[in-house]
Amino acid sequence: MAIDVLIIGVAVRLLTRVAKVARSHRANQQADRQVRP
């Protein structure tokens, strides 16, 4: 039950956050590529 709460609360939040960070990281890489072809 305790781990279920963590999975539902923390894991969903963590996975969402990792996806956003990955997207931001990719955007920064693409911006760098555009600046220095």
PDB file of all heavy atoms in Angstrom:
ATOM      1  N   MET A   1       0.836  -1.215   0.000  1.00  0.00           N
ATOM      2  CA  MET A   1       0.000   0.000   0.000  1.00  0.00           C
ATOM      3  C   MET A   1       0.864   1.256   0.000  1.00  0.00           C
ATOM      4  O   MET A   1       0.593   2.197  -0.752  1.00  0.00           O
ATOM      5  CB  MET A   1      -0.933   0.002   1.213  1.00  0.00           C
ATOM      6  CG  MET A   1      -2.083  -0.946   1.101  1.00  0.00           C
ATOM      7  SD  MET A   1      -3.240  -0.744   2.467  1.00  0.00           S
ATOM      8  CE  MET A   1      -2.746  -2.073   3.525  1.00  0.00           C
ATOM      9  N   ALA A   2       1.911   1.256   0.825  1.00  0.00           N
ATOM     10  CA  ALA A   2       2.793   2.427   0.901  1.00  0.00           C
ATOM     11  C   ALA A   2       3.511   2.644  -0.433  1.00  0.00           C
ATOM     12  O   ALA A   2       3.593   3.774  -0.928  1.00  0.00           O
ATOM     13  CB  ALA A   2       3.796   2.251   2.033  1.00  0.00           C
ATOM     14  N   ILE A   3       4.007   1.565  -1.016  1.00  0.00           N
ATOM     15  CA  ILE A   3       4.714   1.695  -2.289  1.00  0.00           C
ATOM     16  C   ILE A   3       3.743   2.051  -3.406  1.00  0.00           C
ATOM     17  O   ILE A   3       4.090   2.802  -4.327  1.00  0.00           O
ATOM     18  CB  ILE A   3       5.533   0.424  -2.590  1.00  0.00           C
ATOM     19  CG1 ILE A   3       6.633   0.279  -1.536  1.00  0.00           C
ATOM     20  CG2 ILE A   3       6.141   0.472  -3.978  1.00  0.00           C
ATOM     21  CD1 ILE A   3       7.393  -1.031  -1.585  1.00  0.00           C
ATOM     22  N   ASP A   4       2.501   1.544  -3.335  1.00  0.00           N
ATOM     23  CA  ASP A   4       1.479   1.925  -4.319  1.00  0.00           C
ATOM     24  C   ASP A   4       1.277   3.437  -4.334  1.00  0.00           C
ATOM     25  O   ASP A   4       1.185   4.056  -5.396  1.00  0.00           O
ATOM     26  CB  ASP A   4       0.141   1.247  -4.018  1.00  0.00           C
ATOM     27  CG  ASP A   4       0.133  -0.238  -4.337  1.00  0.00           C
ATOM     28  OD1 ASP A   4       1.054  -0.718  -5.021  1.00  0.00           O
ATOM     29  OD2 ASP A   4      -0.810  -0.919  -3.879  1.00  0.00           O
ATOM     30  N   VAL A   5       1.205   4.028  -3.145  1.00  0.00           N
ATOM     31  CA  VAL A   5       1.040   5.482  -3.052  1.00  0.00           C
ATOM     32  C   VAL A   5       2.233   6.179  -3.702  1.00  0.00           C
ATOM     33  O   VAL A   5       2.070   7.146  -4.453  1.00  0.00           O
ATOM     34  CB  VAL A   5       0.865   5.930  -1.584  1.00  0.00           C
ATOM     35  CG1 VAL A   5       0.946   7.431  -1.445  1.00  0.00           C
ATOM     36  CG2 VAL A   5      -0.454   5.406  -1.031  1.00  0.00           C
ATOM     37  N   LEU A   6       3.433   5.658  -3.443  1.00  0.00           N
ATOM     38  CA  LEU A   6       4.626   6.240  -4.059  1.00  0.00           C
ATOM     39  C   LEU A   6       4.590   6.090  -5.575  1.00  0.00           C
ATOM     40  O   LEU A   6       4.915   7.028  -6.302  1.00  0.00           O
ATOM     41  CB  LEU A   6       5.890   5.581  -3.508  1.00  0.00           C
ATOM     42  CG  LEU A   6       6.255   5.919  -2.077  1.00  0.00           C
ATOM     43  CD1 LEU A   6       7.442   5.087  -1.622  1.00  0.00           C
ATOM     44  CD2 LEU A   6       6.545   7.403  -1.931  1.00  0.00           C
ATOM     45  N   ILE A   7       4.196   4.915  -6.032  1.00  0.00           N
ATOM     46  CA  ILE A   7       4.150   4.691  -7.481  1.00  0.00           C
ATOM     47  C   ILE A   7       3.136   5.635  -8.119  1.00  0.00           C
ATOM     48  O   ILE A   7       3.432   6.282  -9.119  1.00  0.00           O
ATOM     49  CB  ILE A   7       3.785   3.226  -7.802  1.00  0.00           C
ATOM     50  CG1 ILE A   7       4.966   2.334  -7.486  1.00  0.00           C
ATOM     51  CG2 ILE A   7       3.378   3.072  -9.261  1.00  0.00           C
ATOM     52  CD1 ILE A   7       4.668   0.859  -7.643  1.00  0.00           C
ATOM     53  N   ILE A   8       1.968   5.693  -7.538  1.00  0.00           N
ATOM     54  CA  ILE A   8       0.924   6.524  -8.127  1.00  0.00           C
ATOM     55  C   ILE A   8       1.299   7.995  -8.067  1.00  0.00           C
ATOM     56  O   ILE A   8       1.184   8.716  -9.057  1.00  0.00           O
ATOM     57  CB  ILE A   8      -0.432   6.262  -7.442  1.00  0.00           C
ATOM     58  CG1 ILE A   8      -0.909   4.847  -7.785  1.00  0.00           C
ATOM     59  CG2 ILE A   8      -1.469   7.287  -7.866  1.00  0.00           C
ATOM     60  CD1 ILE A   8      -2.072   4.363  -6.946  1.00  0.00           C
ATOM     61  N   GLY A   9       1.777   8.443  -6.925  1.00  0.00           N
ATOM     62  CA  GLY A   9       2.118   9.857  -6.775  1.00  0.00           C
ATOM     63  C   GLY A   9       3.458  10.235  -7.349  1.00  0.00           C
ATOM     64  O   GLY A   9       3.565  11.037  -8.274  1.00  0.00           O
ATOM     65  N   VAL A  10       4.499   9.648  -6.818  1.00  0.00           N
ATOM     66  CA  VAL A  10       5.855  10.032  -7.172  1.00  0.00           C
ATOM     67  C   VAL A  10       6.241   9.551  -8.570  1.00  0.00           C
ATOM     68  O   VAL A  10       6.810  10.314  -9.352  1.00  0.00           O
ATOM     69  CB  VAL A  10       6.858   9.518  -6.118  1.00  0.00           C
ATOM     70  CG1 VAL A  10       8.279   9.798  -6.531  1.00  0.00           C
ATOM     71  CG2 VAL A  10       6.559  10.138  -4.763  1.00  0.00           C
ATOM     72  N   ALA A  11       5.943   8.302  -8.892  1.00  0.00           N
ATOM     73  CA  ALA A  11       6.370   7.769 -10.190  1.00  0.00           C
ATOM     74  C   ALA A  11       5.720   8.516 -11.344  1.00  0.00           C
ATOM     75  O   ALA A  11       6.390   8.847 -12.324  1.00  0.00           O
ATOM     76  CB  ALA A  11       6.078   6.279 -10.284  1.00  0.00           C
ATOM     77  N   VAL A  12       4.446   8.793 -11.230  1.00  0.00           N
ATOM     78  CA  VAL A  12       3.779   9.542 -12.297  1.00  0.00           C
ATOM     79  C   VAL A  12       4.428  10.919 -12.439  1.00  0.00           C
ATOM     80  O   VAL A  12       4.755  11.362 -13.543  1.00  0.00           O
ATOM     81  CB  VAL A  12       2.261   9.665 -12.031  1.00  0.00           C
ATOM     82  CG1 VAL A  12       1.624  10.643 -12.974  1.00  0.00           C
ATOM     83  CG2 VAL A  12       1.593   8.303 -12.131  1.00  0.00           C
ATOM     84  N   ARG A  13       4.652  11.577 -11.329  1.00  0.00           N
ATOM     85  CA  ARG A  13       5.286  12.898 -11.355  1.00  0.00           C
ATOM     86  C   ARG A  13       6.713  12.820 -11.891  1.00  0.00           C
ATOM     87  O   ARG A  13       7.136  13.628 -12.720  1.00  0.00           O
ATOM     88  CB  ARG A  13       5.271  13.492  -9.947  1.00  0.00           C
ATOM     89  CG  ARG A  13       5.935  14.825  -9.828  1.00  0.00           C
ATOM     90  CD  ARG A  13       5.105  15.894 -10.486  1.00  0.00           C
ATOM     91  NE  ARG A  13       5.737  17.182 -10.272  1.00  0.00           N
ATOM     92  CZ  ARG A  13       5.893  18.078 -11.209  1.00  0.00           C
ATOM     93  NH1 ARG A  13       5.404  17.874 -12.405  1.00  0.00           N
ATOM     94  NH2 ARG A  13       6.486  19.210 -10.960  1.00  0.00           N
ATOM     95  N   LEU A  14       7.458  11.817 -11.432  1.00  0.00           N
ATOM     96  CA  LEU A  14       8.841  11.660 -11.853  1.00  0.00           C
ATOM     97  C   LEU A  14       8.937  11.365 -13.343  1.00  0.00           C
ATOM     98  O   LEU A  14       9.730  11.983 -14.059  1.00  0.00           O
ATOM     99  CB  LEU A  14       9.509  10.538 -11.057  1.00  0.00           C
ATOM    100  CG  LEU A  14      10.945  10.200 -11.423  1.00  0.00           C
ATOM    101  CD1 LEU A  14      11.860  11.378 -11.131  1.00  0.00           C
ATOM    102  CD2 LEU A  14      11.401   8.970 -10.662  1.00  0.00           C
ATOM    103  N   LEU A  15       8.121  10.441 -13.819  1.00  0.00           N
ATOM    104  CA  LEU A  15       8.169  10.096 -15.236  1.00  0.00           C
ATOM    105  C   LEU A  15       7.764  11.281 -16.107  1.00  0.00           C
ATOM    106  O   LEU A  15       8.359  11.530 -17.155  1.00  0.00           O
ATOM    107  CB  LEU A  15       7.280   8.889 -15.518  1.00  0.00           C
ATOM    108  CG  LEU A  15       7.735   7.579 -14.873  1.00  0.00           C
ATOM    109  CD1 LEU A  15       6.704   6.493 -15.100  1.00  0.00           C
ATOM    110  CD2 LEU A  15       9.094   7.154 -15.376  1.00  0.00           C
ATOM    111  N   THR A  16       6.781  12.032 -15.651  1.00  0.00           N
ATOM    112  CA  THR A  16       6.373  13.228 -16.384  1.00  0.00           C
ATOM    113  C   THR A  16       7.506  14.248 -16.401  1.00  0.00           C
ATOM    114  O   THR A  16       7.800  14.849 -17.433  1.00  0.00           O
ATOM    115  CB  THR A  16       5.117  13.843 -15.736  1.00  0.00           C
ATOM    116  OG1 THR A  16       4.099  12.852 -15.687  1.00  0.00           O
ATOM    117  CG2 THR A  16       4.627  15.044 -16.506  1.00  0.00           C
ATOM    118  N   ARG A  17       8.153  14.422 -15.272  1.00  0.00           N
ATOM    119  CA  ARG A  17       9.256  15.379 -15.175  1.00  0.00           C
ATOM    120  C   ARG A  17      10.434  14.956 -16.052  1.00  0.00           C
ATOM    121  O   ARG A  17      11.024  15.783 -16.739  1.00  0.00           O
ATOM    122  CB  ARG A  17       9.699  15.505 -13.710  1.00  0.00           C
ATOM    123  CG  ARG A  17      10.822  16.465 -13.490  1.00  0.00           C
ATOM    124  CD  ARG A  17      10.376  17.892 -13.736  1.00  0.00           C
ATOM    125  NE  ARG A  17      11.510  18.763 -13.563  1.00  0.00           N
ATOM    126  CZ  ARG A  17      11.815  19.757 -14.369  1.00  0.00           C
ATOM    127  NH1 ARG A  17      11.022  20.052 -15.368  1.00  0.00           N
ATOM    128  NH2 ARG A  17      12.873  20.480 -14.160  1.00  0.00           N
ATOM    129  N   VAL A  18      10.763  13.672 -16.049  1.00  0.00           N
ATOM    130  CA  VAL A  18      11.865  13.187 -16.880  1.00  0.00           C
ATOM    131  C   VAL A  18      11.553  13.431 -18.350  1.00  0.00           C
ATOM    132  O   VAL A  18      12.419  13.848 -19.121  1.00  0.00           O
ATOM    133  CB  VAL A  18      12.149  11.693 -16.601  1.00  0.00           C
ATOM    134  CG1 VAL A  18      13.083  11.111 -17.640  1.00  0.00           C
ATOM    135  CG2 VAL A  18      12.745  11.524 -15.221  1.00  0.00           C
ATOM    136  N   ALA A  19      10.315  13.197 -18.743  1.00  0.00           N
ATOM    137  CA  ALA A  19       9.930  13.444 -20.138  1.00  0.00           C
ATOM    138  C   ALA A  19      10.088  14.919 -20.483  1.00  0.00           C
ATOM    139  O   ALA A  19      10.592  15.269 -21.562  1.00  0.00           O
ATOM    140  CB  ALA A  19       8.493  12.984 -20.380  1.00  0.00           C
ATOM    141  N   LYS A  20       9.697  15.818 -19.582  1.00  0.00           N
ATOM    142  CA  LYS A  20       9.841  17.254 -19.840  1.00  0.00           C
ATOM    143  C   LYS A  20      11.303  17.663 -19.901  1.00  0.00           C
ATOM    144  O   LYS A  20      11.703  18.464 -20.745  1.00  0.00           O
ATOM    145  CB  LYS A  20       9.111  18.058 -18.761  1.00  0.00           C
ATOM    146  CG  LYS A  20       7.609  18.000 -18.903  1.00  0.00           C
ATOM    147  CD  LYS A  20       6.919  18.798 -17.814  1.00  0.00           C
ATOM    148  CE  LYS A  20       5.412  18.672 -17.955  1.00  0.00           C
ATOM    149  NZ  LYS A  20       4.699  19.356 -16.875  1.00  0.00           N
ATOM    150  N   VAL A  21      12.125  17.117 -19.001  1.00  0.00           N
ATOM    151  CA  VAL A  21      13.554  17.432 -19.012  1.00  0.00           C
ATOM    152  C   VAL A  21      14.188  16.925 -20.301  1.00  0.00           C
ATOM    153  O   VAL A  21      14.998  17.613 -20.919  1.00  0.00           O
ATOM    154  CB  VAL A  21      14.259  16.837 -17.768  1.00  0.00           C
ATOM    155  CG1 VAL A  21      15.767  16.889 -17.906  1.00  0.00           C
ATOM    156  CG2 VAL A  21      13.817  17.567 -16.507  1.00  0.00           C
ATOM    157  N   ALA A  22      13.805  15.724 -20.717  1.00  0.00           N
ATOM    158  CA  ALA A  22      14.341  15.175 -21.971  1.00  0.00           C
ATOM    159  C   ALA A  22      13.959  16.062 -23.149  1.00  0.00           C
ATOM    160  O   ALA A  22      14.766  16.337 -24.033  1.00  0.00           O
ATOM    161  CB  ALA A  22      13.831  13.749 -22.181  1.00  0.00           C
ATOM    162  N   ARG A  23      12.719  16.531 -23.160  1.00  0.00           N
ATOM    163  CA  ARG A  23      12.266  17.410 -24.234  1.00  0.00           C
ATOM    164  C   ARG A  23      13.063  18.726 -24.213  1.00  0.00           C
ATOM    165  O   ARG A  23      13.511  19.204 -25.248  1.00  0.00           O
ATOM    166  CB  ARG A  23      10.772  17.704 -24.086  1.00  0.00           C
ATOM    167  CG  ARG A  23      10.270  18.605 -25.193  1.00  0.00           C
ATOM    168  CD  ARG A  23       8.795  18.605 -25.354  1.00  0.00           C
ATOM    169  NE  ARG A  23       8.172  17.312 -25.476  1.00  0.00           N
ATOM    170  CZ  ARG A  23       8.281  16.497 -26.520  1.00  0.00           C
ATOM    171  NH1 ARG A  23       9.039  16.836 -27.533  1.00  0.00           N
ATOM    172  NH2 ARG A  23       7.648  15.357 -26.552  1.00  0.00           N
ATOM    173  N   SER A  24      13.251  19.281 -23.048  1.00  0.00           N
ATOM    174  CA  SER A  24      14.014  20.524 -22.917  1.00  0.00           C
ATOM    175  C   SER A  24      15.468  20.318 -23.344  1.00  0.00           C
ATOM    176  O   SER A  24      16.053  21.155 -24.038  1.00  0.00           O
ATOM    177  CB  SER A  24      13.945  21.009 -21.467  1.00  0.00           C
ATOM    178  OG  SER A  24      14.780  22.112 -21.280  1.00  0.00           O
ATOM    179  N   HIS A  25      16.035  19.191 -22.925  1.00  0.00           N
ATOM    180  CA  HIS A  25      17.411  18.868 -23.291  1.00  0.00           C
ATOM    181  C   HIS A  25      17.555  18.780 -24.810  1.00  0.00           C
ATOM    182  O   HIS A  25      18.493  19.303 -25.398  1.00  0.00           O
ATOM    183  CB  HIS A  25      17.812  17.548 -22.622  1.00  0.00           C
ATOM    184  CG  HIS A  25      19.191  17.092 -22.936  1.00  0.00           C
ATOM    185  ND1 HIS A  25      20.313  17.730 -22.448  1.00  0.00           N
ATOM    186  CD2 HIS A  25      19.639  16.056 -23.691  1.00  0.00           C
ATOM    187  CE1 HIS A  25      21.388  17.123 -22.894  1.00  0.00           C
ATOM    188  NE2 HIS A  25      21.005  16.091 -23.644  1.00  0.00           N
ATOM    189  N   ARG A  26      16.589  18.123 -25.462  1.00  0.00           N
ATOM    190  CA  ARG A  26      16.600  18.011 -26.920  1.00  0.00           C
ATOM    191  C   ARG A  26      16.469  19.375 -27.581  1.00  0.00           C
ATOM    192  O   ARG A  26      17.127  19.654 -28.572  1.00  0.00           O
ATOM    193  CB  ARG A  26      15.476  17.114 -27.385  1.00  0.00           C
ATOM    194  CG  ARG A  26      16.014  15.798 -27.743  1.00  0.00           C
ATOM    195  CD  ARG A  26      15.134  14.982 -28.585  1.00  0.00           C
ATOM    196  NE  ARG A  26      15.433  13.602 -28.349  1.00  0.00           N
ATOM    197  CZ  ARG A  26      15.477  13.001 -27.193  1.00  0.00           C
ATOM    198  NH1 ARG A  26      15.230  13.653 -26.118  1.00  0.00           N
ATOM    199  NH2 ARG A  26      15.778  11.739 -27.078  1.00  0.00           N
ATOM    200  N   ALA A  27      15.612  20.201 -27.042  1.00  0.00           N
ATOM    201  CA  ALA A  27      15.427  21.538 -27.615  1.00  0.00           C
ATOM    202  C   ALA A  27      16.730  22.327 -27.520  1.00  0.00           C
ATOM    203  O   ALA A  27      17.102  23.035 -28.457  1.00  0.00           O
ATOM    204  CB  ALA A  27      14.294  22.257 -26.902  1.00  0.00           C
ATOM    205  N   ASN A  28      17.423  22.207 -26.385  1.00  0.00           N
ATOM    206  CA  ASN A  28      18.705  22.902 -26.224  1.00  0.00           C
ATOM    207  C   ASN A  28      19.745  22.371 -27.211  1.00  0.00           C
ATOM    208  O   ASN A  28      20.505  23.147 -27.788  1.00  0.00           O
ATOM    209  CB  ASN A  28      19.222  22.758 -24.796  1.00  0.00           C
ATOM    210  CG  ASN A  28      18.394  23.544 -23.801  1.00  0.00           C
ATOM    211  OD1 ASN A  28      17.681  24.477 -24.173  1.00  0.00           O
ATOM    212  ND2 ASN A  28      18.454  23.153 -22.547  1.00  0.00           N
ATOM    213  N   GLN A  29      19.768  21.053 -27.414  1.00  0.00           N
ATOM    214  CA  GLN A  29      20.701  20.475 -28.379  1.00  0.00           C
ATOM    215  C   GLN A  29      20.400  20.976 -29.788  1.00  0.00           C
ATOM    216  O   GLN A  29      21.310  21.291 -30.553  1.00  0.00           O
ATOM    217  CB  GLN A  29      20.616  18.949 -28.353  1.00  0.00           C
ATOM    218  CG  GLN A  29      21.271  18.318 -27.166  1.00  0.00           C
ATOM    219  CD  GLN A  29      21.119  16.798 -27.197  1.00  0.00           C
ATOM    220  OE1 GLN A  29      20.167  16.270 -27.762  1.00  0.00           O
ATOM    221  NE2 GLN A  29      22.078  16.114 -26.581  1.00  0.00           N
ATOM    222  N   GLN A  30      19.129  21.056 -30.124  1.00  0.00           N
ATOM    223  CA  GLN A  30      18.746  21.517 -31.459  1.00  0.00           C
ATOM    224  C   GLN A  30      19.088  22.987 -31.639  1.00  0.00           C
ATOM    225  O   GLN A  30      19.538  23.401 -32.707  1.00  0.00           O
ATOM    226  CB  GLN A  30      17.265  21.263 -31.689  1.00  0.00           C
ATOM    227  CG  GLN A  30      16.965  19.792 -31.805  1.00  0.00           C
ATOM    228  CD  GLN A  30      15.498  19.485 -31.677  1.00  0.00           C
ATOM    229  OE1 GLN A  30      14.683  20.384 -31.545  1.00  0.00           O
ATOM    230  NE2 GLN A  30      15.158  18.213 -31.696  1.00  0.00           N
ATOM    231  N   ALA A  31      18.909  23.764 -30.580  1.00  0.00           N
ATOM    232  CA  ALA A  31      19.270  25.184 -30.659  1.00  0.00           C
ATOM    233  C   ALA A  31      20.773  25.328 -30.861  1.00  0.00           C
ATOM    234  O   ALA A  31      21.226  26.172 -31.644  1.00  0.00           O
ATOM    235  CB  ALA A  31      18.813  25.907 -29.393  1.00  0.00           C
ATOM    236  N   ASP A  32      21.554  24.490 -30.183  1.00  0.00           N
ATOM    237  CA  ASP A  32      23.002  24.522 -30.351  1.00  0.00           C
ATOM    238  C   ASP A  32      23.396  24.151 -31.777  1.00  0.00           C
ATOM    239  O   ASP A  32      24.298  24.755 -32.349  1.00  0.00           O
ATOM    240  CB  ASP A  32      23.687  23.569 -29.363  1.00  0.00           C
ATOM    241  CG  ASP A  32      23.663  24.088 -27.945  1.00  0.00           C
ATOM    242  OD1 ASP A  32      23.336  25.277 -27.735  1.00  0.00           O
ATOM    243  OD2 ASP A  32      23.939  23.288 -27.018  1.00  0.00           O
ATOM    244  N   ARG A  33      22.723  23.174 -32.359  1.00  0.00           N
ATOM    245  CA  ARG A  33      23.020  22.756 -33.735  1.00  0.00           C
ATOM    246  C   ARG A  33      22.709  23.870 -34.715  1.00  0.00           C
ATOM    247  O   ARG A  33      23.402  24.050 -35.701  1.00  0.00           O
ATOM    248  CB  ARG A  33      22.229  21.516 -34.098  1.00  0.00           C
ATOM    249  CG  ARG A  33      22.830  20.256 -33.579  1.00  0.00           C
ATOM    250  CD  ARG A  33      22.132  19.052 -34.206  1.00  0.00           C
ATOM    251  NE  ARG A  33      22.097  18.012 -33.212  1.00  0.00           N
ATOM    252  CZ  ARG A  33      21.004  17.447 -32.718  1.00  0.00           C
ATOM    253  NH1 ARG A  33      19.824  17.802 -33.164  1.00  0.00           N
ATOM    254  NH2 ARG A  33      21.088  16.521 -31.815  1.00  0.00           N
ATOM    255  N   GLN A  34      21.645  24.608 -34.450  1.00  0.00           N
ATOM    256  CA  GLN A  34      21.258  25.685 -35.353  1.00  0.00           C
ATOM    257  C   GLN A  34      22.210  26.861 -35.247  1.00  0.00           C
ATOM    258  O   GLN A  34      22.490  27.532 -36.240  1.00  0.00           O
ATOM    259  CB  GLN A  34      19.826  26.128 -35.071  1.00  0.00           C
ATOM    260  CG  GLN A  34      18.815  25.083 -35.466  1.00  0.00           C
ATOM    261  CD  GLN A  34      17.399  25.462 -35.057  1.00  0.00           C
ATOM    262  OE1 GLN A  34      17.194  26.454 -34.373  1.00  0.00           O
ATOM    263  NE2 GLN A  34      16.432  24.657 -35.469  1.00  0.00           N
ATOM    264  N   VAL A  35      22.754  27.091 -34.044  1.00  0.00           N
ATOM    265  CA  VAL A  35      23.695  28.191 -33.834  1.00  0.00           C
ATOM    266  C   VAL A  35      25.029  27.874 -34.504  1.00  0.00           C
ATOM    267  O   VAL A  35      25.633  28.706 -35.139  1.00  0.00           O
ATOM    268  CB  VAL A  35      23.890  28.472 -32.327  1.00  0.00           C
ATOM    269  CG1 VAL A  35      25.037  29.433 -32.078  1.00  0.00           C
ATOM    270  CG2 VAL A  35      22.597  29.019 -31.734  1.00  0.00           C
ATOM    271  N   ARG A  36      25.507  26.645 -34.347  1.00  0.00           N
ATOM    272  CA  ARG A  36      26.788  26.242 -34.944  1.00  0.00           C
ATOM    273  C   ARG A  36      26.528  25.103 -35.911  1.00  0.00           C
ATOM    274  O   ARG A  36      26.592  23.938 -35.547  1.00  0.00           O
ATOM    275  CB  ARG A  36      27.841  25.802 -33.943  1.00  0.00           C
ATOM    276  CG  ARG A  36      27.485  25.739 -32.570  1.00  0.00           C
ATOM    277  CD  ARG A  36      28.549  25.183 -31.646  1.00  0.00           C
ATOM    278  NE  ARG A  36      27.812  24.339 -30.703  1.00  0.00           N
ATOM    279  CZ  ARG A  36      27.925  23.049 -30.596  1.00  0.00           C
ATOM    280  NH1 ARG A  36      28.776  22.405 -31.328  1.00  0.00           N
ATOM    281  NH2 ARG A  36      27.206  22.366 -29.747  1.00  0.00           N
ATOM    282  N   PRO A  37      26.234  25.426 -37.158  1.00  0.00           N
ATOM    283  CA  PRO A  37      25.981  24.374 -38.158  1.00  0.00           C
ATOM    284  C   PRO A  37      27.242  23.535 -38.378  1.00  0.00           C
ATOM    285  O   PRO A  37      28.352  24.032 -38.310  1.00  0.00           O
ATOM    286  CB  PRO A  37      25.593  25.116 -39.414  1.00  0.00           C
ATOM    287  CG  PRO A  37      25.722  26.564 -39.134  1.00  0.00           C
ATOM    288  CD  PRO A  37      26.127  26.744 -37.712  1.00  0.00           C
TER     289      PRO A  37
END
